[in-house]
Amino acid sequence: MKASFVSSSAMQNVLRLTISQSQNKLQQASTEATTGTYADIGVSLGNGAAKSINLTSAIAQAASFKASNAVVELRMDASQTALSSLKDAGDSLVSNLTALQASQDTTSIAVALQTAGATISQLVSTANTSVNGEFLFGGTNLDSQPLSDQSSAVSDTIVSALNDYATGLGKDVNELTGEEIGSFITDTVEPMFSESAWTDTSDGWSTASSTDMTSRISRSETITSSTNANSEGMRYLALACVVVSALFGQDLSSDAQSTVASKAIAYAAQATSGIVTQQSELGLAQERLEKANDALDAQSTLLQGNLVDLQGVDTYEASTLVNQLQTQLETAYTLVSKLQSLSLVNYL
């Protein structure tokens, strides 16, 4: 019988190798137990790693669309709120002017003038609303304040034109009939609020672009995501107010005042109709955005499921392996310690 010998040094080297390998496996198993995915996607999936990258990229793209859509949604919500306030202001102006038609006493005229002035101020303030540093009603011109209040200058121009108009008819202003003042408003005042006059770079009201913002809300869909201060609704609301503030301050006949009120009511009603149209267009865009977000959520859920199927590991199995490796390491540490404590002195 032949005895074979194994040195304690050789045994320690084997155990050290075992410990090193077990530590690497433990680190990998711990990562997989915690994340639920392979610790090294490339090694574990091989050729399937490319598919994993594509899925991850698609999920990130969907998340990016959702983030940008949230900004678009905020802008459109704020625009809807602003437009609602302008519609209410227009309705209030119509109400006051309707009352003025029935009674043209000084109190009613004062109330109408005050309402017109307040409505102009609200129009300018609302049109200059900004969100995240971008003006809501600037169209594609997001950086410049869209509206400036030109009501005083335009009123002066109207009063001067009215005096010239009356002189041309051989009359004083207080002698103008309802039909004559109606023609003056239609032919002279209304053109001052055309889009070209409204956006005139020298003395116009607006620096907004008439081109609205568009936003890509998914890979295949874009929407018009804003409206602008050059719309008919805003222009005609300003027109209704200026007609009141410029002409009710003049010494007009009762017939002429009634016509002024009627024209202002018609303009204000046209303004609110235009504002409602703006709201409806934005509402349709908001509905499309909501549906796009739902589709992105569904797409993300599907892609996440595919990614989990591809990269996922059994976390229970990984946790069990962690426990086994920890036990194995503890055993190896104990053996190494015992081997290191061996000495021939103990046996002599």
Protein backbone atom coordinates (compact mmCIF):
# COMPACT_ATOMS: atom_id res chain seq x y z
CA MET A 1 0.00 0.00 0.00
CA LYS A 2 1.34 3.39 -1.02
CA ALA A 3 0.49 6.59 0.88
CA SER A 4 -0.02 9.85 -1.01
CA PHE A 5 0.51 13.23 0.47
CA VAL A 6 -1.23 16.58 -0.14
CA SER A 7 0.42 19.66 1.24
CA SER A 8 -1.55 22.15 3.32
CA SER A 9 -0.30 24.89 0.96
CA ALA A 10 -1.94 23.19 -2.04
CA MET A 11 -5.17 22.84 -0.12
CA GLN A 12 -5.12 26.53 0.79
CA ASN A 13 -4.58 27.51 -2.85
CA VAL A 14 -7.56 25.42 -3.94
CA LEU A 15 -9.72 27.00 -1.25
CA ARG A 16 -8.59 30.52 -2.20
CA LEU A 17 -9.58 29.82 -5.80
CA THR A 18 -12.92 28.49 -4.62
CA ILE A 19 -13.46 31.61 -2.49
CA SER A 20 -12.59 33.93 -5.39
CA GLN A 21 -14.97 32.14 -7.76
CA SER A 22 -17.71 32.02 -5.16
CA GLN A 23 -17.37 35.74 -4.45
CA ASN A 24 -17.81 36.56 -8.14
CA LYS A 25 -20.81 34.27 -8.39
CA LEU A 26 -22.25 35.76 -5.18
CA GLN A 27 -21.96 39.28 -6.53
CA GLN A 28 -23.68 38.25 -9.77
CA ALA A 29 -26.42 36.32 -7.97
CA SER A 30 -27.03 39.21 -5.53
CA THR A 31 -27.45 41.64 -8.45
CA GLU A 32 -29.88 39.29 -10.18
CA ALA A 33 -31.86 38.66 -6.99
CA THR A 34 -32.16 42.44 -6.43
CA THR A 35 -32.86 43.64 -10.00
CA GLY A 36 -34.65 40.59 -11.38
CA THR A 37 -32.51 40.76 -14.54
CA TYR A 38 -29.29 39.18 -15.71
CA ALA A 39 -26.20 40.77 -14.18
CA ASP A 40 -24.38 40.60 -17.52
CA ILE A 41 -26.87 40.91 -20.40
CA GLY A 42 -24.26 40.36 -23.12
CA VAL A 43 -22.93 37.11 -21.63
CA SER A 44 -26.35 35.75 -20.67
CA LEU A 45 -28.22 36.59 -23.87
CA GLY A 46 -25.52 36.38 -26.51
CA ASN A 47 -27.13 37.30 -29.84
CA GLY A 48 -30.32 38.26 -27.96
CA ALA A 49 -28.52 41.29 -26.49
CA ALA A 50 -29.30 43.30 -29.65
CA LYS A 51 -33.01 42.69 -29.16
CA SER A 52 -32.65 43.77 -25.54
CA ILE A 53 -31.03 47.04 -26.65
CA ASN A 54 -33.81 47.69 -29.17
CA LEU A 55 -36.50 47.08 -26.55
CA THR A 56 -34.76 49.35 -24.05
CA SER A 57 -34.43 52.08 -26.68
CA ALA A 58 -38.13 51.83 -27.60
CA ILE A 59 -39.15 52.05 -23.93
CA ALA A 60 -36.94 55.12 -23.45
CA GLN A 61 -38.45 56.75 -26.55
CA ALA A 62 -41.98 56.18 -25.24
CA ALA A 63 -40.97 57.69 -21.90
CA SER A 64 -39.50 60.69 -23.72
CA PHE A 65 -42.76 61.25 -25.63
CA LYS A 66 -44.74 61.02 -22.37
CA ALA A 67 -42.46 63.64 -20.76
CA SER A 68 -42.75 66.08 -23.68
CA ASN A 69 -46.49 65.42 -23.92
CA ALA A 70 -46.86 66.46 -20.29
CA VAL A 71 -45.42 69.89 -21.19
CA VAL A 72 -47.75 70.16 -24.20
CA GLU A 73 -50.72 69.15 -22.05
CA LEU A 74 -49.86 71.82 -19.46
CA ARG A 75 -49.65 74.49 -22.17
CA MET A 76 -52.99 73.52 -23.70
CA ASP A 77 -54.73 73.32 -20.30
CA ALA A 78 -53.49 76.82 -19.45
CA SER A 79 -54.64 78.07 -22.87
CA GLN A 80 -58.11 76.63 -22.31
CA THR A 81 -58.34 78.35 -18.93
CA ALA A 82 -57.27 81.68 -20.44
CA LEU A 83 -59.73 81.38 -23.32
CA SER A 84 -62.56 80.56 -20.90
CA SER A 85 -61.86 83.76 -18.98
CA LEU A 86 -61.96 85.78 -22.23
CA LYS A 87 -65.25 84.18 -23.23
CA ASP A 88 -66.72 85.10 -19.85
CA ALA A 89 -65.46 88.67 -20.30
CA GLY A 90 -67.10 88.84 -23.74
CA ASP A 91 -70.38 87.51 -22.35
CA SER A 92 -70.28 90.12 -19.57
CA LEU A 93 -69.68 92.89 -22.13
CA VAL A 94 -72.66 91.72 -24.19
CA SER A 95 -74.82 91.70 -21.07
CA ASN A 96 -73.90 95.28 -20.17
CA LEU A 97 -74.36 96.53 -23.72
CA THR A 98 -77.76 94.84 -23.98
CA ALA A 99 -78.83 96.73 -20.86
CA LEU A 100 -77.48 99.93 -22.43
CA GLN A 101 -79.73 99.49 -25.45
CA ALA A 102 -82.76 99.64 -23.16
CA SER A 103 -81.59 102.66 -21.18
CA GLN A 104 -78.96 105.14 -22.35
CA ASP A 105 -78.72 107.08 -19.09
CA THR A 106 -75.36 108.31 -17.85
CA THR A 107 -75.05 105.50 -15.33
CA SER A 108 -75.52 102.79 -17.97
CA ILE A 109 -73.04 104.51 -20.28
CA ALA A 110 -70.49 104.77 -17.43
CA VAL A 111 -70.89 101.07 -16.65
CA ALA A 112 -70.46 100.15 -20.32
CA LEU A 113 -67.32 102.29 -20.60
CA GLN A 114 -65.89 100.76 -17.42
CA THR A 115 -66.66 97.22 -18.61
CA ALA A 116 -65.06 97.90 -22.01
CA GLY A 117 -61.90 99.24 -20.36
CA ALA A 118 -61.70 96.28 -17.98
CA THR A 119 -62.24 93.83 -20.83
CA ILE A 120 -59.42 95.36 -22.88
CA SER A 121 -57.09 95.09 -19.88
CA GLN A 122 -58.11 91.47 -19.34
CA LEU A 123 -57.65 90.69 -23.03
CA VAL A 124 -54.09 92.04 -23.08
CA SER A 125 -53.19 90.42 -19.77
CA THR A 126 -54.62 87.04 -20.77
CA ALA A 127 -53.06 87.09 -24.23
CA ASN A 128 -49.68 87.66 -22.57
CA THR A 129 -49.97 84.61 -20.31
CA SER A 130 -46.80 82.51 -20.22
CA VAL A 131 -46.04 79.00 -19.01
CA ASN A 132 -42.49 77.79 -18.42
CA GLY A 133 -41.18 80.99 -20.00
CA GLU A 134 -43.18 80.54 -23.22
CA PHE A 135 -46.06 82.83 -24.23
CA LEU A 136 -49.19 80.77 -24.84
CA PHE A 137 -50.68 82.99 -27.54
CA GLY A 138 -47.53 83.92 -29.43
CA GLY A 139 -48.00 81.18 -32.04
CA THR A 140 -44.52 80.05 -33.06
CA ASN A 141 -43.12 83.31 -31.65
CA LEU A 142 -42.80 81.99 -28.09
CA ASP A 143 -40.28 84.49 -26.76
CA SER A 144 -42.04 87.84 -27.35
CA GLN A 145 -45.00 89.23 -25.43
CA PRO A 146 -47.84 88.94 -27.97
CA LEU A 147 -50.09 91.93 -27.23
CA SER A 148 -49.68 95.57 -26.32
CA ASP A 149 -52.63 97.80 -25.43
CA GLN A 150 -53.21 100.16 -28.35
CA SER A 151 -56.77 101.07 -27.35
CA SER A 152 -55.97 104.67 -26.42
CA ALA A 153 -54.15 105.43 -29.68
CA VAL A 154 -56.79 103.65 -31.78
CA SER A 155 -59.60 105.51 -29.97
CA ASP A 156 -57.96 108.83 -30.77
CA THR A 157 -57.68 107.78 -34.42
CA ILE A 158 -61.36 106.79 -34.46
CA VAL A 159 -62.49 110.09 -32.91
CA SER A 160 -60.46 112.06 -35.45
CA ALA A 161 -61.85 109.95 -38.30
CA LEU A 162 -65.39 110.44 -36.94
CA ASN A 163 -65.05 114.23 -37.02
CA ASP A 164 -63.76 114.07 -40.58
CA TYR A 165 -66.61 111.73 -41.52
CA ALA A 166 -69.25 114.08 -40.08
CA THR A 167 -67.64 117.08 -41.76
CA GLY A 168 -67.69 115.24 -45.07
CA LEU A 169 -71.45 114.77 -44.64
CA GLY A 170 -71.86 118.43 -43.76
CA LYS A 171 -72.96 117.60 -40.22
CA ASP A 172 -71.83 117.83 -36.64
CA VAL A 173 -71.10 114.55 -34.86
CA ASN A 174 -74.26 114.86 -32.72
CA GLU A 175 -76.34 115.04 -35.91
CA LEU A 176 -75.24 111.68 -37.29
CA THR A 177 -78.03 109.12 -37.67
CA GLY A 178 -77.89 105.52 -36.55
CA GLU A 179 -77.45 104.40 -40.16
CA GLU A 180 -74.61 106.84 -40.72
CA ILE A 181 -72.73 105.87 -37.57
CA GLY A 182 -73.27 102.23 -38.51
CA SER A 183 -71.65 102.80 -41.90
CA PHE A 184 -68.76 104.63 -40.24
CA ILE A 185 -68.12 101.72 -37.89
CA THR A 186 -68.31 99.12 -40.67
CA ASP A 187 -66.26 101.00 -43.25
CA THR A 188 -63.71 102.83 -41.05
CA VAL A 189 -63.43 101.25 -37.61
CA GLU A 190 -63.75 97.55 -38.40
CA PRO A 191 -60.85 97.54 -40.94
CA MET A 192 -58.59 98.85 -38.14
CA PHE A 193 -58.91 95.38 -36.60
CA SER A 194 -58.15 93.29 -39.66
CA GLU A 195 -55.33 90.82 -39.17
CA SER A 196 -52.94 92.94 -41.26
CA ALA A 197 -53.66 96.07 -39.22
CA TRP A 198 -53.60 94.10 -35.96
CA THR A 199 -50.09 92.77 -36.70
CA ASP A 200 -48.70 95.93 -38.32
CA THR A 201 -45.12 96.25 -37.13
CA SER A 202 -45.34 100.03 -36.68
CA ASP A 203 -48.53 100.56 -34.70
CA GLY A 204 -50.32 97.19 -34.47
CA TRP A 205 -51.48 95.41 -31.36
CA SER A 206 -49.77 92.07 -31.88
CA THR A 207 -46.28 90.67 -32.38
CA ALA A 208 -47.60 87.11 -32.32
CA SER A 209 -47.13 84.73 -35.22
CA SER A 210 -50.30 83.61 -36.95
CA THR A 211 -48.73 80.16 -37.31
CA ASP A 212 -49.55 77.92 -34.36
CA MET A 213 -47.21 75.52 -32.59
CA THR A 214 -47.15 71.88 -33.66
CA SER A 215 -45.97 69.09 -31.39
CA ARG A 216 -45.01 65.50 -32.15
CA ILE A 217 -46.85 63.37 -29.62
CA SER A 218 -45.79 59.96 -30.88
CA ARG A 219 -43.57 58.53 -33.60
CA SER A 220 -46.36 58.87 -36.16
CA GLU A 221 -48.56 61.73 -34.97
CA THR A 222 -48.32 65.51 -34.62
CA ILE A 223 -50.93 67.97 -33.37
CA THR A 224 -51.49 71.72 -33.45
CA SER A 225 -50.82 72.42 -29.80
CA SER A 226 -51.44 76.17 -29.45
CA THR A 227 -53.50 79.08 -30.68
CA ASN A 228 -52.49 82.72 -31.16
CA ALA A 229 -53.46 86.27 -30.32
CA ASN A 230 -54.17 87.12 -33.97
CA SER A 231 -57.35 85.06 -33.99
CA GLU A 232 -60.65 86.62 -34.95
CA GLY A 233 -61.96 86.04 -31.43
CA MET A 234 -59.34 88.26 -29.79
CA ARG A 235 -59.38 90.91 -32.52
CA TYR A 236 -63.15 91.27 -32.43
CA LEU A 237 -63.24 91.39 -28.66
CA ALA A 238 -60.83 94.33 -28.82
CA LEU A 239 -62.96 95.87 -31.60
CA ALA A 240 -66.14 95.64 -29.51
CA CYS A 241 -64.42 97.30 -26.56
CA VAL A 242 -62.84 100.11 -28.58
CA VAL A 243 -66.11 100.85 -30.38
CA VAL A 244 -67.67 101.41 -26.96
CA SER A 245 -64.81 103.36 -25.38
CA ALA A 246 -64.21 105.59 -28.43
CA LEU A 247 -67.77 106.35 -29.52
CA PHE A 248 -69.77 106.44 -26.30
CA GLY A 249 -67.53 109.27 -25.16
CA GLN A 250 -68.84 111.42 -28.04
CA ASP A 251 -71.98 113.53 -28.16
CA LEU A 252 -73.99 111.08 -30.22
CA SER A 253 -77.73 111.08 -30.77
CA SER A 254 -79.88 108.45 -29.08
CA ASP A 255 -80.33 106.67 -32.41
CA ALA A 256 -76.60 106.67 -33.06
CA GLN A 257 -75.83 105.42 -29.54
CA SER A 258 -78.28 102.57 -30.01
CA THR A 259 -76.52 101.62 -33.24
CA VAL A 260 -73.11 101.77 -31.53
CA ALA A 261 -74.39 99.42 -28.83
CA SER A 262 -75.85 97.04 -31.43
CA LYS A 263 -72.61 96.95 -33.44
CA ALA A 264 -70.55 96.39 -30.28
CA ILE A 265 -72.86 93.57 -29.21
CA ALA A 266 -72.52 91.93 -32.62
CA TYR A 267 -68.72 92.21 -32.50
CA ALA A 268 -68.57 90.86 -28.94
CA ALA A 269 -70.82 87.93 -29.91
CA GLN A 270 -68.60 87.23 -32.92
CA ALA A 271 -65.61 87.39 -30.59
CA THR A 272 -67.00 84.84 -28.15
CA SER A 273 -67.93 82.59 -31.06
CA GLY A 274 -64.35 82.80 -32.33
CA ILE A 275 -62.98 82.07 -28.87
CA VAL A 276 -65.24 79.02 -28.56
CA THR A 277 -63.89 77.84 -31.92
CA GLN A 278 -60.34 78.19 -30.58
CA GLN A 279 -61.32 76.19 -27.50
CA SER A 280 -62.89 73.48 -29.66
CA GLU A 281 -59.79 73.16 -31.83
CA LEU A 282 -57.59 72.89 -28.77
CA GLY A 283 -60.04 70.41 -27.26
CA LEU A 284 -59.72 68.13 -30.27
CA ALA A 285 -55.93 68.33 -29.98
CA GLN A 286 -56.17 67.52 -26.26
CA GLU A 287 -58.30 64.48 -27.04
CA ARG A 288 -55.73 63.25 -29.56
CA LEU A 289 -52.97 63.82 -27.00
CA GLU A 290 -54.85 61.79 -24.40
CA LYS A 291 -55.31 58.92 -26.83
CA ALA A 292 -51.63 59.08 -27.81
CA ASN A 293 -50.63 58.90 -24.15
CA ASP A 294 -52.89 55.87 -23.66
CA ALA A 295 -51.25 54.20 -26.66
CA LEU A 296 -47.78 55.02 -25.32
CA ASP A 297 -48.71 53.52 -21.94
CA ALA A 298 -49.97 50.35 -23.60
CA GLN A 299 -46.86 50.18 -25.79
CA SER A 300 -44.57 50.66 -22.78
CA THR A 301 -46.38 47.93 -20.84
CA LEU A 302 -46.01 45.51 -23.76
CA LEU A 303 -42.35 46.36 -24.31
CA GLN A 304 -41.58 46.10 -20.61
CA GLY A 305 -43.18 42.67 -20.58
CA ASN A 306 -41.08 41.56 -23.54
CA LEU A 307 -37.96 42.95 -21.92
CA VAL A 308 -38.66 41.16 -18.65
CA ASP A 309 -39.23 37.92 -20.54
CA LEU A 310 -35.92 38.40 -22.31
CA GLN A 311 -33.77 39.67 -19.44
CA GLY A 312 -35.65 38.38 -16.44
CA VAL A 313 -34.37 35.79 -14.02
CA ASP A 314 -36.10 33.75 -11.32
CA THR A 315 -35.48 35.95 -8.28
CA TYR A 316 -36.36 33.08 -5.93
CA GLU A 317 -33.78 30.86 -7.58
CA ALA A 318 -31.23 33.69 -7.50
CA SER A 319 -31.89 34.29 -3.79
CA THR A 320 -31.49 30.58 -3.07
CA LEU A 321 -28.18 30.61 -4.92
CA VAL A 322 -27.06 33.62 -2.85
CA ASN A 323 -27.73 31.69 0.36
CA GLN A 324 -25.88 28.62 -0.95
CA LEU A 325 -22.87 30.66 -2.00
CA GLN A 326 -22.77 32.46 1.34
CA THR A 327 -22.76 29.09 3.12
CA GLN A 328 -20.08 27.83 0.77
CA LEU A 329 -17.93 30.89 1.42
CA GLU A 330 -18.33 30.62 5.18
CA THR A 331 -17.25 26.96 4.99
CA ALA A 332 -14.25 27.83 2.84
CA TYR A 333 -13.22 30.63 5.21
CA THR A 334 -13.41 28.19 8.13
CA LEU A 335 -11.28 25.59 6.35
CA VAL A 336 -8.68 28.15 5.36
CA SER A 337 -8.50 29.34 8.94
CA LYS A 338 -8.00 25.79 10.22
CA LEU A 339 -5.36 25.04 7.61
CA GLN A 340 -3.46 28.18 8.48
CA SER A 341 -3.43 27.14 12.15
CA LEU A 342 -1.89 23.71 11.41
CA SER A 343 1.71 23.29 12.63
CA LEU A 344 4.08 20.32 12.97
CA VAL A 345 4.92 21.60 16.42
CA ASN A 346 1.55 20.34 17.57
CA TYR A 347 2.54 16.80 16.63
CA LEU A 348 6.13 16.61 17.90
